[in-house]
Every structure is written in C-alpha cells, then in structure tokens.
Protein backbone atom coordinates (compact mmCIF):
# COMPACT_ATOMS: atom_id res chain seq x y z
CA MET A 1 -15.13 3.38 9.02
CA THR A 2 -14.12 3.79 12.71
CA TRP A 3 -13.87 1.46 15.61
CA SER A 4 -13.23 1.77 19.28
CA ASN A 5 -10.00 -0.32 19.62
CA PRO A 6 -7.72 -0.45 22.59
CA PRO A 7 -4.01 0.17 21.90
CA ARG A 8 -1.89 -2.92 21.35
CA THR A 9 1.52 -3.65 22.78
CA SER A 10 4.46 -4.64 20.69
CA VAL A 11 4.82 -8.37 19.95
CA ARG A 12 8.26 -9.90 20.46
CA ALA A 13 9.70 -13.08 18.97
CA PRO A 14 13.17 -14.57 18.85
CA ARG A 15 13.14 -15.96 15.18
CA TYR A 16 10.32 -14.53 13.07
CA LEU A 17 7.38 -12.19 12.93
CA VAL A 18 4.48 -11.59 10.45
CA ALA A 19 2.26 -8.45 10.61
CA SER A 20 -0.82 -8.05 8.42
CA ALA A 21 -4.31 -6.56 8.37
CA ASP A 22 -5.96 -9.98 8.77
CA HIS A 23 -5.10 -12.59 11.47
CA LEU A 24 -5.94 -15.37 8.99
CA ALA A 25 -3.31 -14.08 6.65
CA THR A 26 -0.81 -13.61 9.48
CA SER A 27 -1.33 -17.30 10.35
CA ALA A 28 -0.64 -18.32 6.76
CA GLY A 29 2.67 -16.50 6.91
CA ASN A 30 3.64 -17.99 10.16
CA GLU A 31 2.81 -21.45 8.76
CA MET A 32 5.54 -20.99 6.15
CA PHE A 33 8.13 -20.02 8.83
CA ALA A 34 7.08 -23.09 10.88
CA ARG A 35 7.69 -25.21 7.79
CA GLY A 36 11.26 -23.92 7.51
CA GLY A 37 10.45 -21.25 4.94
CA ASN A 38 11.87 -17.76 4.81
CA ALA A 39 10.35 -14.25 4.92
CA VAL A 40 9.60 -14.18 1.22
CA ASP A 41 7.70 -17.49 1.46
CA ALA A 42 5.80 -15.99 4.38
CA ALA A 43 5.08 -12.77 2.58
CA ILE A 44 3.63 -14.47 -0.45
CA ALA A 45 1.49 -16.74 1.68
CA THR A 46 0.27 -13.86 3.75
CA ASN A 47 -0.59 -11.82 0.69
CA ALA A 48 -2.23 -14.75 -1.03
CA ALA A 49 -4.45 -15.33 2.03
CA ILE A 50 -5.55 -11.72 2.38
CA ALA A 51 -6.16 -11.64 -1.34
CA VAL A 52 -8.87 -14.14 -0.61
CA THR A 53 -10.26 -12.72 2.66
CA GLY A 54 -9.78 -9.05 1.91
CA PRO A 55 -11.22 -8.35 -1.60
CA HIS A 56 -12.08 -4.86 -0.35
CA LEU A 57 -8.32 -4.21 0.07
CA CYS A 58 -6.40 -6.29 -2.46
CA GLY A 59 -6.50 -9.42 -4.59
CA MET A 60 -5.22 -11.33 -7.58
CA GLY A 61 -6.80 -8.65 -9.77
CA GLY A 62 -4.51 -5.91 -8.34
CA ASP A 63 -0.92 -4.75 -8.36
CA LEU A 64 2.05 -5.39 -6.01
CA PHE A 65 5.32 -3.78 -4.88
CA ALA A 66 7.91 -5.27 -2.53
CA LEU A 67 11.19 -4.66 -0.83
CA VAL A 68 13.40 -7.54 0.27
CA HIS A 69 16.45 -7.30 2.51
CA VAL A 70 18.83 -10.29 2.51
CA ASP A 71 22.59 -10.72 2.90
CA GLY A 72 23.09 -6.96 3.41
CA GLU A 73 21.33 -5.92 0.15
CA VAL A 74 17.94 -4.37 -0.60
CA PHE A 75 16.05 -5.46 -3.70
CA ALA A 76 12.94 -3.81 -5.13
CA LEU A 77 10.10 -5.33 -7.17
CA ASN A 78 7.70 -3.35 -9.25
CA ALA A 79 4.80 -5.60 -10.17
CA ALA A 80 2.49 -2.82 -11.50
CA GLY A 81 0.42 -3.82 -14.49
CA ARG A 82 0.46 -1.99 -17.81
CA ALA A 83 -2.35 -0.52 -19.86
CA GLY A 84 -3.76 -2.70 -22.54
CA SER A 85 -2.86 -2.32 -26.25
CA GLY A 86 -6.26 -0.81 -26.88
CA ALA A 87 -5.81 2.06 -24.45
CA ASP A 88 -6.65 5.36 -26.26
CA SER A 89 -6.62 8.66 -24.34
CA GLY A 90 -7.48 10.64 -27.45
CA ALA A 91 -10.75 8.61 -27.88
CA MET A 92 -11.61 9.28 -24.25
CA ARG A 93 -11.03 13.00 -24.66
CA ASP A 94 -13.20 12.94 -27.77
CA GLN A 95 -15.99 11.54 -25.50
CA GLY A 96 -15.66 14.59 -23.28
CA LEU A 97 -13.68 12.89 -20.49
CA THR A 98 -11.15 15.05 -18.63
CA GLU A 99 -10.08 12.39 -16.12
CA MET A 100 -9.98 8.63 -15.89
CA PRO A 101 -13.21 6.91 -14.88
CA PHE A 102 -13.25 5.91 -11.23
CA LYS A 103 -15.28 2.68 -11.33
CA LEU A 104 -17.51 0.48 -13.58
CA ASP A 105 -15.35 1.19 -16.57
CA ILE A 106 -12.90 -1.37 -17.92
CA ARG A 107 -10.59 1.44 -19.26
CA SER A 108 -9.44 2.12 -15.72
CA VAL A 109 -8.25 -1.51 -15.42
CA THR A 110 -4.60 -2.34 -16.32
CA VAL A 111 -3.23 -5.89 -16.50
CA PRO A 112 -3.02 -6.97 -12.92
CA GLY A 113 0.55 -7.47 -11.66
CA CYS A 114 -0.04 -9.40 -8.40
CA VAL A 115 0.39 -12.94 -9.63
CA ASP A 116 3.52 -12.04 -11.64
CA GLY A 117 4.83 -10.38 -8.44
CA TRP A 118 4.36 -13.59 -6.44
CA VAL A 119 6.01 -15.69 -9.09
CA SER A 120 9.02 -13.28 -9.41
CA LEU A 121 9.54 -13.14 -5.62
CA HIS A 122 9.33 -16.91 -5.46
CA GLU A 123 11.68 -17.53 -8.38
CA ARG A 124 14.38 -15.28 -6.90
CA PHE A 125 14.06 -15.77 -3.13
CA GLY A 126 11.53 -18.46 -2.36
CA SER A 127 12.66 -21.64 -0.55
CA LEU A 128 9.41 -23.64 -0.27
CA PRO A 129 7.39 -24.99 -3.21
CA LEU A 130 4.83 -22.59 -4.56
CA ASP A 131 1.96 -25.07 -4.05
CA VAL A 132 2.86 -25.25 -0.32
CA ILE A 133 2.97 -21.44 -0.06
CA LEU A 134 -0.36 -20.91 -1.75
CA ALA A 135 -2.12 -23.83 0.07
CA PRO A 136 -3.50 -21.76 3.05
CA ALA A 137 -5.02 -19.27 0.69
CA GLN A 138 -6.47 -22.02 -1.46
CA ARG A 139 -8.06 -23.57 1.63
CA LEU A 140 -9.65 -20.26 2.70
CA ALA A 141 -11.12 -19.72 -0.78
CA ALA A 142 -12.45 -23.30 -1.15
CA ASP A 143 -13.57 -24.02 2.37
CA GLY A 144 -14.67 -20.45 3.30
CA PHE A 145 -13.69 -17.71 5.74
CA PRO A 146 -15.63 -15.54 8.16
CA ALA A 147 -16.47 -12.16 6.62
CA SER A 148 -14.60 -9.38 8.43
CA PRO A 149 -16.59 -6.42 9.80
CA LEU A 150 -14.91 -4.18 7.23
CA LEU A 151 -15.97 -6.33 4.30
CA ALA A 152 -19.47 -7.02 5.59
CA GLY A 153 -19.92 -3.34 6.41
CA LEU A 154 -18.80 -2.14 2.95
CA LEU A 155 -20.97 -4.30 0.66
CA PRO A 156 -24.41 -2.97 1.71
CA ARG A 157 -23.25 0.55 0.85
CA LEU A 158 -22.57 -0.25 -2.82
CA ASP A 159 -24.88 1.02 -5.49
CA GLU A 160 -27.05 -1.34 -7.51
CA ALA A 161 -24.72 -1.69 -10.48
CA SER A 162 -21.74 -2.50 -8.25
CA ARG A 163 -23.76 -5.02 -6.22
CA ALA A 164 -24.84 -6.79 -9.36
CA ASN A 165 -21.26 -7.19 -10.51
CA LEU A 166 -20.02 -8.36 -7.07
CA LEU A 167 -22.97 -10.65 -6.52
CA GLU A 168 -20.91 -13.58 -5.09
CA LEU A 169 -19.49 -11.42 -2.32
CA VAL A 170 -22.81 -9.63 -1.65
CA GLU A 171 -24.66 -12.88 -1.32
CA HIS A 172 -22.10 -14.47 1.02
CA ALA A 173 -20.66 -11.64 3.12
CA THR A 174 -24.04 -10.69 4.56
CA GLN A 175 -22.83 -9.99 8.09
CA THR A 176 -19.74 -10.18 10.14
CA GLY A 177 -18.74 -13.80 10.53
CA ALA A 178 -20.84 -15.09 7.66
CA LEU A 179 -18.99 -17.89 5.79
CA VAL A 180 -17.66 -16.67 2.44
CA ARG A 181 -16.48 -19.10 -0.23
CA ARG A 182 -14.71 -18.06 -3.42
CA PRO A 183 -14.43 -21.21 -5.56
CA GLY A 184 -13.22 -19.35 -8.69
CA VAL A 185 -10.37 -17.89 -6.73
CA ALA A 186 -9.47 -21.27 -5.24
CA LEU A 187 -9.20 -22.75 -8.80
CA ALA A 188 -7.07 -19.77 -9.87
CA LEU A 189 -4.76 -20.28 -6.90
CA ALA A 190 -4.51 -24.02 -7.62
CA GLY A 191 -3.54 -23.26 -11.24
CA VAL A 192 -0.80 -20.83 -10.25
CA ALA A 193 0.56 -23.28 -7.70
CA ILE A 194 0.89 -26.06 -10.31
CA GLY A 195 1.61 -24.18 -13.53
CA GLY A 196 2.92 -20.72 -12.61
CA ARG A 197 1.91 -17.40 -14.14
CA ASP A 198 0.74 -18.72 -17.56
CA THR A 199 -2.07 -20.73 -16.01
CA PHE A 200 -3.47 -17.42 -14.69
CA TYR A 201 -2.70 -14.86 -17.43
CA ARG A 202 -3.20 -17.30 -20.35
CA GLY A 203 -5.86 -19.36 -18.63
CA ALA A 204 -9.36 -18.70 -17.54
CA PHE A 205 -8.61 -15.42 -15.95
CA GLY A 206 -6.77 -14.08 -18.99
CA ASP A 207 -9.50 -15.32 -21.36
CA GLY A 208 -12.12 -13.56 -19.30
CA LEU A 209 -10.19 -10.31 -19.13
CA ILE A 210 -9.77 -10.25 -22.93
CA ASP A 211 -13.52 -10.85 -23.32
CA ILE A 212 -14.74 -8.11 -21.08
CA GLY A 213 -12.00 -5.78 -22.31
CA ASN A 214 -13.64 -5.91 -25.80
CA GLY A 215 -10.42 -4.97 -27.57
CA LEU A 216 -8.64 -3.30 -24.70
CA PHE A 217 -6.38 -6.29 -23.93
CA THR A 218 -4.62 -8.78 -26.20
CA GLU A 219 -3.03 -12.17 -25.69
CA SER A 220 0.34 -10.44 -26.08
CA ASP A 221 -0.46 -8.00 -23.26
CA LEU A 222 -1.15 -10.93 -20.94
CA GLY A 223 1.81 -12.97 -22.16
CA ALA A 224 4.37 -10.37 -20.92
CA SER A 225 5.35 -10.40 -17.26
CA GLN A 226 4.08 -7.38 -15.33
CA ALA A 227 6.85 -7.70 -12.74
CA GLU A 228 10.31 -6.10 -12.92
CA TRP A 229 13.20 -6.04 -10.46
CA VAL A 230 14.33 -2.36 -10.22
CA ALA A 231 16.91 -0.53 -8.27
CA PRO A 232 15.50 0.74 -4.95
CA ILE A 233 15.88 4.42 -4.02
CA ALA A 234 17.01 5.48 -0.60
CA ALA A 235 17.77 8.42 1.65
CA GLU A 236 19.47 8.91 5.04
CA MET A 237 17.30 10.22 7.88
CA PHE A 238 17.20 9.88 11.60
CA GLY A 239 20.34 7.80 11.71
CA VAL A 240 19.07 5.09 9.33
CA LYS A 241 18.77 4.72 5.52
CA VAL A 242 15.12 4.40 4.41
CA HIS A 243 14.49 2.49 1.18
CA THR A 244 11.49 2.39 -1.11
CA VAL A 245 10.49 1.53 -4.69
CA GLY A 246 10.97 4.48 -7.10
CA PRO A 247 8.55 5.81 -9.73
CA SER A 248 6.03 4.73 -10.82
CA THR A 249 5.27 4.88 -7.15
CA GLN A 250 5.08 8.01 -4.89
CA GLY A 251 7.49 6.46 -2.37
CA TYR A 252 10.04 9.22 -3.18
CA LEU A 253 7.74 11.57 -1.24
CA THR A 254 8.48 9.60 2.00
CA LEU A 255 12.16 9.95 1.36
CA GLY A 256 12.08 13.61 0.38
CA SER A 257 9.88 14.74 3.31
CA GLY A 258 12.00 12.65 5.69
CA ARG A 259 15.16 14.37 4.49
CA LEU A 260 13.49 17.80 5.18
CA VAL A 261 12.56 16.78 8.67
CA ASP A 262 16.06 15.40 9.27
CA GLN A 263 17.48 18.74 8.33
CA LEU A 264 15.23 20.36 10.94
CA VAL A 265 16.45 17.83 13.50
CA SER A 266 20.17 18.51 12.64
CA SER A 267 19.50 22.30 12.95
CA GLY A 268 17.92 21.90 16.35
CA LEU A 269 14.58 23.27 15.08
CA PHE A 270 12.55 20.06 15.59
CA PRO A 271 10.59 19.61 18.83
CA ASP A 272 11.38 16.67 21.09
CA ASP A 273 7.76 16.01 21.99
CA PRO A 274 5.41 14.38 19.36
CA GLU A 275 2.47 15.65 21.41
CA ASP A 276 3.48 19.22 20.57
CA ASP A 277 1.42 20.78 17.77
CA HIS A 278 4.74 22.21 16.44
CA TRP A 279 5.81 18.62 15.72
CA ALA A 280 2.74 17.97 13.57
CA HIS A 281 3.05 21.41 11.93
CA LEU A 282 6.64 20.78 10.72
CA LEU A 283 5.80 17.30 9.43
CA ILE A 284 2.82 18.77 7.48
CA GLU A 285 5.05 21.52 6.06
CA ALA A 286 7.59 18.96 4.97
CA SER A 287 4.94 16.81 3.40
CA THR A 288 3.39 19.60 1.35
CA ALA A 289 6.80 20.95 0.31
CA ALA A 290 7.64 17.45 -0.97
CA GLY A 291 4.34 16.77 -2.69
CA ARG A 292 3.23 20.12 -4.12
CA ASP A 293 4.20 19.12 -7.70
CA ARG A 294 3.50 15.42 -7.64
CA PRO A 295 0.99 15.42 -10.54
CA GLU A 296 3.57 16.89 -12.93
CA ARG A 297 6.53 14.87 -11.64
CA LEU A 298 5.24 11.35 -10.88
CA HIS A 299 5.23 9.04 -13.81
CA GLN A 300 6.94 5.72 -14.75
CA ASP A 301 10.01 7.31 -16.27
CA ALA A 302 10.68 9.76 -13.48
CA ASP A 303 14.12 9.72 -11.81
CA GLY A 304 13.33 8.97 -8.14
CA ASP A 305 16.76 9.77 -6.80
CA ALA A 306 16.73 13.15 -8.56
CA LEU A 307 13.31 13.94 -7.16
CA VAL A 308 14.42 13.14 -3.62
CA ALA A 309 17.48 15.36 -4.04
CA GLU A 310 15.35 18.13 -5.40
CA ILE A 311 12.94 17.94 -2.48
CA ALA A 312 15.80 17.93 0.03
CA GLY A 313 16.72 21.35 -1.36
CA ARG A 314 13.23 22.76 -0.44
CA GLY A 315 14.12 23.53 3.23
CA GLY A 316 13.50 27.20 2.58
CA GLU A 317 9.85 26.35 1.76
CA ILE A 318 9.05 25.28 5.27
CA ASP A 319 7.47 27.93 7.41
CA LEU A 320 8.63 27.15 10.88
CA GLU A 321 5.55 28.70 12.56
CA GLN A 322 2.64 29.15 10.11
CA ALA A 323 0.84 26.99 7.59
CA SER A 324 1.94 27.51 3.99
CA ASN A 325 -1.41 25.91 2.84
CA ARG A 326 0.21 24.44 -0.25
CA TRP A 327 -1.60 22.13 -2.66
CA ALA A 328 -1.28 18.43 -1.67
CA PRO A 329 -2.61 15.26 -3.26
CA HIS A 330 -5.42 13.42 -1.52
CA ARG A 331 -7.27 10.43 -2.72
CA ASP A 332 -8.36 7.66 -0.39
CA GLY A 333 -7.16 4.13 -1.23
CA ASP A 334 -7.88 0.70 0.08
CA THR A 335 -4.76 -1.32 0.00
CA THR A 336 -2.98 -3.85 2.20
CA SER A 337 0.51 -3.58 3.51
CA LEU A 338 2.25 -6.51 5.25
CA CYS A 339 5.64 -7.13 6.86
CA THR A 340 7.61 -10.33 7.45
CA ALA A 341 11.00 -10.74 8.98
CA GLY A 342 12.95 -13.71 10.33
CA ARG A 343 15.35 -16.53 9.78
CA GLY A 344 14.55 -19.42 7.58
CA HIS A 345 15.95 -22.90 7.95
CA ASP A 346 19.34 -21.71 6.62
CA GLY A 347 19.63 -19.13 9.48
CA ARG A 348 19.74 -16.13 7.09
CA MET A 349 17.88 -13.04 8.36
CA MET A 350 15.46 -11.76 5.71
CA GLY A 351 12.91 -8.95 5.79
CA VAL A 352 10.08 -8.09 3.40
CA SER A 353 7.87 -5.04 3.10
CA LEU A 354 5.09 -5.84 0.61
CA ILE A 355 2.17 -3.69 -0.45
CA GLN A 356 -0.63 -4.86 -2.65
CA SER A 357 -3.75 -3.12 -3.82
CA ASN A 358 -6.97 -2.86 -5.71
CA ALA A 359 -6.49 0.99 -5.61
CA SER A 360 -9.86 2.03 -4.21
CA GLY A 361 -11.92 -0.34 -2.12
CA LEU A 362 -13.19 -3.08 -4.35
CA GLY A 363 -11.29 -1.55 -7.22
CA SER A 364 -13.20 -0.99 -10.52
CA HIS A 365 -16.27 -2.86 -9.10
CA LEU A 366 -15.80 -5.08 -12.19
CA VAL A 367 -15.25 -8.84 -11.96
CA GLU A 368 -13.50 -11.21 -14.26
CA PRO A 369 -16.37 -13.68 -14.97
CA ASN A 370 -14.48 -17.00 -15.11
CA THR A 371 -12.88 -16.76 -11.72
CA GLY A 372 -14.94 -14.11 -9.83
CA ILE A 373 -11.74 -12.09 -9.18
CA ASN A 374 -12.55 -8.48 -8.73
CA LEU A 375 -10.40 -6.08 -10.83
CA HIS A 376 -8.48 -3.08 -9.62
CA ASN A 377 -8.95 0.45 -10.87
CA ARG A 378 -5.18 1.46 -10.81
CA GLY A 379 -5.62 3.03 -14.26
CA MET A 380 -7.38 5.92 -12.52
CA GLY A 381 -3.91 7.25 -11.85
CA PHE A 382 -3.29 8.07 -15.54
CA SER A 383 -3.75 11.56 -16.85
CA LEU A 384 -5.92 12.27 -19.92
CA GLU A 385 -4.04 15.51 -20.62
CA ALA A 386 -2.50 15.28 -24.08
CA GLY A 387 1.32 15.19 -23.80
CA HIS A 388 1.35 14.69 -20.04
CA PRO A 389 4.24 12.35 -18.92
CA GLY A 390 1.65 10.19 -17.17
CA GLU A 391 -0.86 10.20 -20.02
CA LEU A 392 -2.78 6.95 -20.64
CA ALA A 393 -1.13 4.97 -23.47
CA PRO A 394 -0.76 1.27 -24.39
CA GLY A 395 1.90 -0.47 -22.32
CA ARG A 396 2.28 2.33 -19.86
CA ILE A 397 2.22 1.96 -16.00
CA PRO A 398 0.03 4.46 -14.17
CA PRO A 399 1.33 6.68 -11.32
CA HIS A 400 0.96 4.67 -8.05
CA THR A 401 0.28 5.64 -4.48
CA LEU A 402 1.77 2.34 -3.12
CA SER A 403 4.81 2.98 -0.90
CA ALA A 404 6.55 0.08 0.69
CA ALA A 405 9.37 1.01 3.16
CA LEU A 406 12.43 -0.65 4.72
CA ALA A 407 15.18 0.79 6.94
CA THR A 408 18.88 -0.22 7.22
CA ARG A 409 21.85 0.85 9.30
CA GLY A 410 24.99 0.04 7.44
CA SER A 411 24.20 -3.23 5.77
CA ASP A 412 21.96 -4.41 8.68
CA LEU A 413 18.26 -4.61 8.48
CA VAL A 414 16.62 -2.26 11.08
CA SER A 415 12.93 -2.34 10.14
CA VAL A 416 10.29 -3.19 7.57
CA PHE A 417 7.15 -0.99 7.63
CA GLY A 418 4.36 0.13 5.48
CA THR A 419 0.69 1.38 5.33
CA MET A 420 -2.37 1.65 3.27
CA GLY A 421 -3.90 5.10 2.91
CA GLY A 422 -4.00 6.23 -0.74
CA ASP A 423 -2.29 9.58 -1.19
CA ALA A 424 -1.65 9.86 2.51
CA GLN A 425 0.72 6.94 2.54
CA PRO A 426 3.95 9.04 2.57
CA GLN A 427 2.46 11.29 5.25
CA ILE A 428 1.67 8.24 7.47
CA LEU A 429 5.03 6.61 6.85
CA LEU A 430 6.83 9.92 7.72
CA GLN A 431 5.07 10.02 11.02
CA ILE A 432 5.87 6.44 11.82
CA ALA A 433 9.54 6.79 10.70
CA THR A 434 9.99 9.90 12.87
CA ARG A 435 8.55 8.08 15.86
CA LEU A 436 10.50 4.86 15.29
CA PHE A 437 13.93 6.16 14.35
CA HIS A 438 14.19 9.75 15.73
CA HIS A 439 12.17 9.33 18.95
CA GLY A 440 13.03 5.65 19.45
CA GLN A 441 9.46 4.65 20.19
CA SER A 442 8.38 1.03 20.07
CA PRO A 443 6.55 -0.33 17.09
CA ALA A 444 3.26 -0.46 18.97
CA THR A 445 3.67 3.14 20.29
CA SER A 446 4.49 4.36 16.83
CA ILE A 447 1.59 2.49 15.17
CA ASN A 448 -1.01 3.26 17.83
CA ALA A 449 -0.35 6.96 17.95
CA GLY A 450 -3.01 9.26 16.58
CA ARG A 451 -2.28 10.65 13.11
CA TRP A 452 -2.88 13.66 10.87
CA ALA A 453 -3.60 13.43 7.18
CA LEU A 454 -4.04 15.90 4.30
CA LYS A 455 -7.51 15.93 2.77
CA GLY A 456 -8.61 17.53 -0.54
CA PRO A 457 -10.28 20.85 -0.36
CA GLN A 458 -13.67 19.84 -1.81
CA THR A 459 -14.27 16.28 -2.89
CA GLY A 460 -10.91 14.70 -2.27
CA PHE A 461 -10.71 13.99 -5.96
CA ASP A 462 -10.13 17.58 -7.14
CA THR A 463 -6.70 17.95 -5.57
CA TRP A 464 -4.93 17.60 -8.92
CA THR A 465 -6.42 20.97 -9.97
CA ALA A 466 -7.78 22.72 -6.88
CA ALA A 467 -6.17 26.07 -6.14
CA SER A 468 -6.79 26.11 -2.35
CA GLY A 469 -4.71 24.15 0.08
CA PRO A 470 -5.71 20.98 1.87
CA ARG A 471 -7.59 20.47 5.07
CA ILE A 472 -5.74 18.75 7.91
CA ALA A 473 -7.68 15.84 9.37
CA VAL A 474 -6.63 15.00 12.94
CA GLU A 475 -7.48 11.59 14.31
CA GLY A 476 -9.56 11.54 17.43
CA HIS A 477 -7.05 10.06 19.84
CA ALA A 478 -4.14 12.25 18.60
CA SER A 479 -2.59 14.78 20.95
CA GLY A 480 -5.17 17.16 22.41
CA ALA A 481 -2.95 20.08 21.49
CA TRP A 482 -2.91 19.36 17.81
CA VAL A 483 -6.36 20.58 16.68
CA GLU A 484 -6.28 23.96 18.44
CA GLY A 485 -2.55 24.46 17.94
CA LEU A 486 -2.66 23.70 14.18
CA ALA A 487 -5.61 25.92 13.67
CA ALA A 488 -3.85 28.77 15.41
CA ARG A 489 -0.90 28.25 12.95
CA GLY A 490 -3.36 28.80 10.01
CA HIS A 491 -4.11 25.19 9.00
CA ARG A 492 -7.67 24.34 8.11
CA VAL A 493 -8.26 21.57 10.63
CA GLU A 494 -11.02 19.03 10.95
CA ALA A 495 -11.41 16.55 13.79
CA SER A 496 -11.93 12.89 12.93
CA PRO A 497 -13.02 9.95 15.04
CA GLU A 498 -10.38 7.92 16.83
CA TRP A 499 -8.97 4.75 15.27
CA ASP A 500 -10.23 5.83 11.88
CA SER A 501 -9.33 3.59 8.85
CA GLY A 502 -9.01 6.74 6.86
CA PHE A 503 -5.62 7.24 8.54
CA GLY A 504 -4.25 4.03 7.12
CA HIS A 505 -3.54 0.49 8.24
CA ALA A 506 0.16 0.53 9.18
CA HIS A 507 2.39 -2.23 10.38
CA ALA A 508 6.01 -2.38 11.46
CA ILE A 509 8.67 -4.95 12.50
CA VAL A 510 11.92 -3.89 14.06
CA VAL A 511 15.13 -5.92 14.42
CA ASP A 512 16.35 -5.32 18.01
CA VAL A 513 19.92 -4.92 18.88
CA ASN A 514 20.19 -8.52 20.14
CA GLY A 515 18.82 -9.82 16.85
CA SER A 516 15.32 -10.61 18.15
CA LEU A 517 12.27 -9.00 16.63
CA SER A 518 9.50 -6.69 17.83
CA GLY A 519 6.51 -5.65 15.83
CA ALA A 520 2.94 -4.37 15.75
CA ALA A 521 -0.10 -4.53 13.49
CA ASP A 522 -2.47 -1.58 13.25
CA PRO A 523 -5.58 -1.68 15.51
CA ARG A 524 -7.42 0.32 12.85
CA THR A 525 -7.61 -2.93 10.81
CA VAL A 526 -9.90 -4.41 13.52
CA ILE A 527 -8.85 -8.00 12.58
CA GLY A 528 -5.10 -7.47 11.93
CA SER A 529 -2.45 -9.23 13.92
CA CYS A 530 1.27 -9.48 14.48
CA SER A 531 2.65 -12.80 15.66
CA GLY A 532 5.58 -15.16 15.30
CA GLY A 533 7.83 -17.62 16.91
C-alpha cells in the first residue's frame, strides 16, 4: 500500500525518545518515561499498545526479539516460540505438502513468544510495575481506538474464510477512524499485568490454543517460557559496532553485508554520493553475496559469528560494475519495529531496539477463540525437507526474518534502529546504517530516503528454489539515476510507487555527541511518530 507522505524532519529531545509505527503506541511509551520509567518500560508499553492497535503488524499472538544497551553492555532477547509437541513434518510430506502452509492452517502456528518476551524484559530491566506499563494498552483495547488506514484498508481485501475468522476486526474496523474495541485482548492484558505469563499461557489463551491445535500443543508446551537471553552477535563497520540477535534470526545478513561494504569503503571503491546508481549497485551486490545461501544456513543452531566471518570473506564475489544476479530471499512480512532511548529516574542511559511480528499481515488468519487474539504464522519459515537443519520438528524454532539492530562506539550507545519488511529487512537496515554511520546523515534523512529491495523472480514465495536472480524494486522517490543506471548494469529493475510500505517501516534514534537524542519514525507507516521529552 502506498501513500503520498511528505518527508519528516528529525525529532530532538534532551532526555528520551520513542519511535514507533503508531502515534498511540509512541504516546504509551512516552507515558512510561514521564512516570520515571526507563527505556525497557517504554518499549514494553509501546509494543503492548501497538499489539492492540496494529493486529495487521504484530500482537500477543506473535514473536519478539529485542536488544538492550545499558551500562556499556548489549543484551539480546530471543522470544521466538517453538513448534508444538504434535508437529510432524513426515505426516505433512505424506499429505503431499512440499512447503509449510501460508495461512488458515494451525500447523504454521508456533507457541507465541511475545508475552514471555515482555515478562523477561520486565524481570531483568523493568523499573515500573507491569500493571502500570500495560495500562495504556489495556485502555486502548477496552475503550477502543480509531482504525488506522492500513488496518481498515487491509480487511476488505481478505477472502471469505479469513474474514469469518477475523470477524471482530472486520465488523469494527470498517473505515479509517472507526472505533475498534478488543475486549478479549483487554482481559488478556489485565491477566498478564496481575499474574504474569502463566495467566496467559496457562489461562484462557492457552486453553483455546490447545483446543484449536487439536493435538498440536500440550500444556507442557505452554508451560515452558519461550524467551531466552542469548549472546548478541556484532560486527565493526563504518566506525561503529553494529549488534543484532543471532540465529534463529537473519540479522547476521545485516552484519555480513555491512562488513563487505565497509571493506569497499576502506579500499576507496565505494562512492561518496548515495544518489549514484553505483552506490545502490554495490549495496545490492553485498546483500546478494551475503544472502545467497540463507535457506541452507539459517536455522536455530547456526553459529551467527561464524556466518558473519564467512560472509566477510566473500569480497571477491562482488562485481564492482555489473549485476551478479544471484539468488536472494524475498518474502514480504508485516512486522513492527520500535525504538526507545533515554534516561530513567536513576539517570542511566538505556536504549532498546525491539521487533515484534505476526510474520505476514494478520498472521495465520486464525484466532484464539477465548481472547480474539490473532495468531502468527511464523512456522511458515520451517522447511519440510527431510533432514534439513530447519526442518519442522517438536520444540524447534523456525528461521526468522526479524532483525533488530543497535550500534555502539566503544562502550557507548550510538543508535537503536530497526525495520519491518520480511526478507528485505537486512537490505533496508544496510541502507540505513550506511547513510547514518558512513555518510553521517540525520535519522530523518536516512529514514526518508528512497530505497531498493530485492523481489522474488516470480511469485515472491519461490525464492527458496528459483534458479533466476531477483528483480530490484526501486522506490518512486529514490534517486532518479537508480532505475536507468541499475538496468544498464544488468539488474532486472522495476519501478515502485513512492513511500511504499513494501520497502519497510524503519525507525532510528541516535545519541548525539552532547548526550541529547535525535530520531525519526518512518513516513511509510502513515500514523507512526517519534516524540519524547
């Protein structure tokens, strides 16, 4: 979906900033800072609010990843849910399936990790009570919120089966601004606020998930936390160290492609002008060199640091002038990324990059009946190939597109940034990181700039097996030199409208040299905002 949006300028604040895809969610985060809370409190509140207002992007039925910077250290949380005990790839192959179902099939649903992610973040770093943090979201769910143009525009395009499953949303979000109430979500939030994760996973939501799973999920599956603190992976580029969460996410592609571009910079082979088609060409070459073997390499047990090091050795695969037209993954995804940074009542600077998702749009288009929470379809990332390291199996985590990002210099926080965009997330983050840290552009300039993205050769869902290389979609307000110049270099180029959501919803907050903050939310969100105090 595309919108004619004017560019936004960077927002500056002395103490704290919140950037998200929904101004109501941004307000919830800022309320936590105003109450003396910290960036983690703000991030949970922001995510909980958009989990209510943005069911087409994320929700309590989805997964979560986060990076936290505090006291000179970076912490990574993987709150991706696991496949149920009844998962059986062999049975699915026997039915003639060669890939995971996309929607309207419970087998593509894993145990949602979002709520465990909130609880884990709060237990380790939260400073305000959880009931205070979740209160804005609970109010939005109980009292209602105006339907966004993205939500209202999506629902009429659903097929009959999906509309029947998502009837509450369909009946309320009839047009932009229509009041939408989600009473079941309000009750679920109230339960978590009072009783923690067990009121959710072992309460009405968990009971409903077991019922509709019909043997896929057990009480034991829901009793185990889906959140795990893991060691982040990182790589030096453009004078900063960029951090992300390692596999099961594809964040290593951002680091690997960034290392390749940084080598070009060090060798004097990288253009100074982002308007130059050569700039876009080299970033595309780095992205395809990094991602050409992702289906074989990305799984929950992969070594992220080793993958980044391997990609950094692929400099010889970059053709400086012509398109290599390598395979590259492309699957669109509707996700939400949010950033918070600032000082709590104790004066400690903290930054959070959090990303949370249903996977694709409204996820599986299935709804847990007791709460009305729509369920993600993250299980579509599994392979059904026998013996594949990412094969569907009980207790396994599917390969994920979600890629949170955070930058440091020494032990100091430089930036938190992130984007939605499915398989294109590392490509979008690479473009933003290059602009922010190599070219020194402001957050707004970096976020507003037109983008390119790799698209699958036929349907967008055949890129795991297609022999031909990707098309290069170029956003309408990108440099005028890109379309013609990239085509002349042998890229298969297609022009896209300006401010197209297909190029992601990205946000960034930067810590300025004087300790103040500047940031920007993506105009492509239509209703997103960055604000603080």
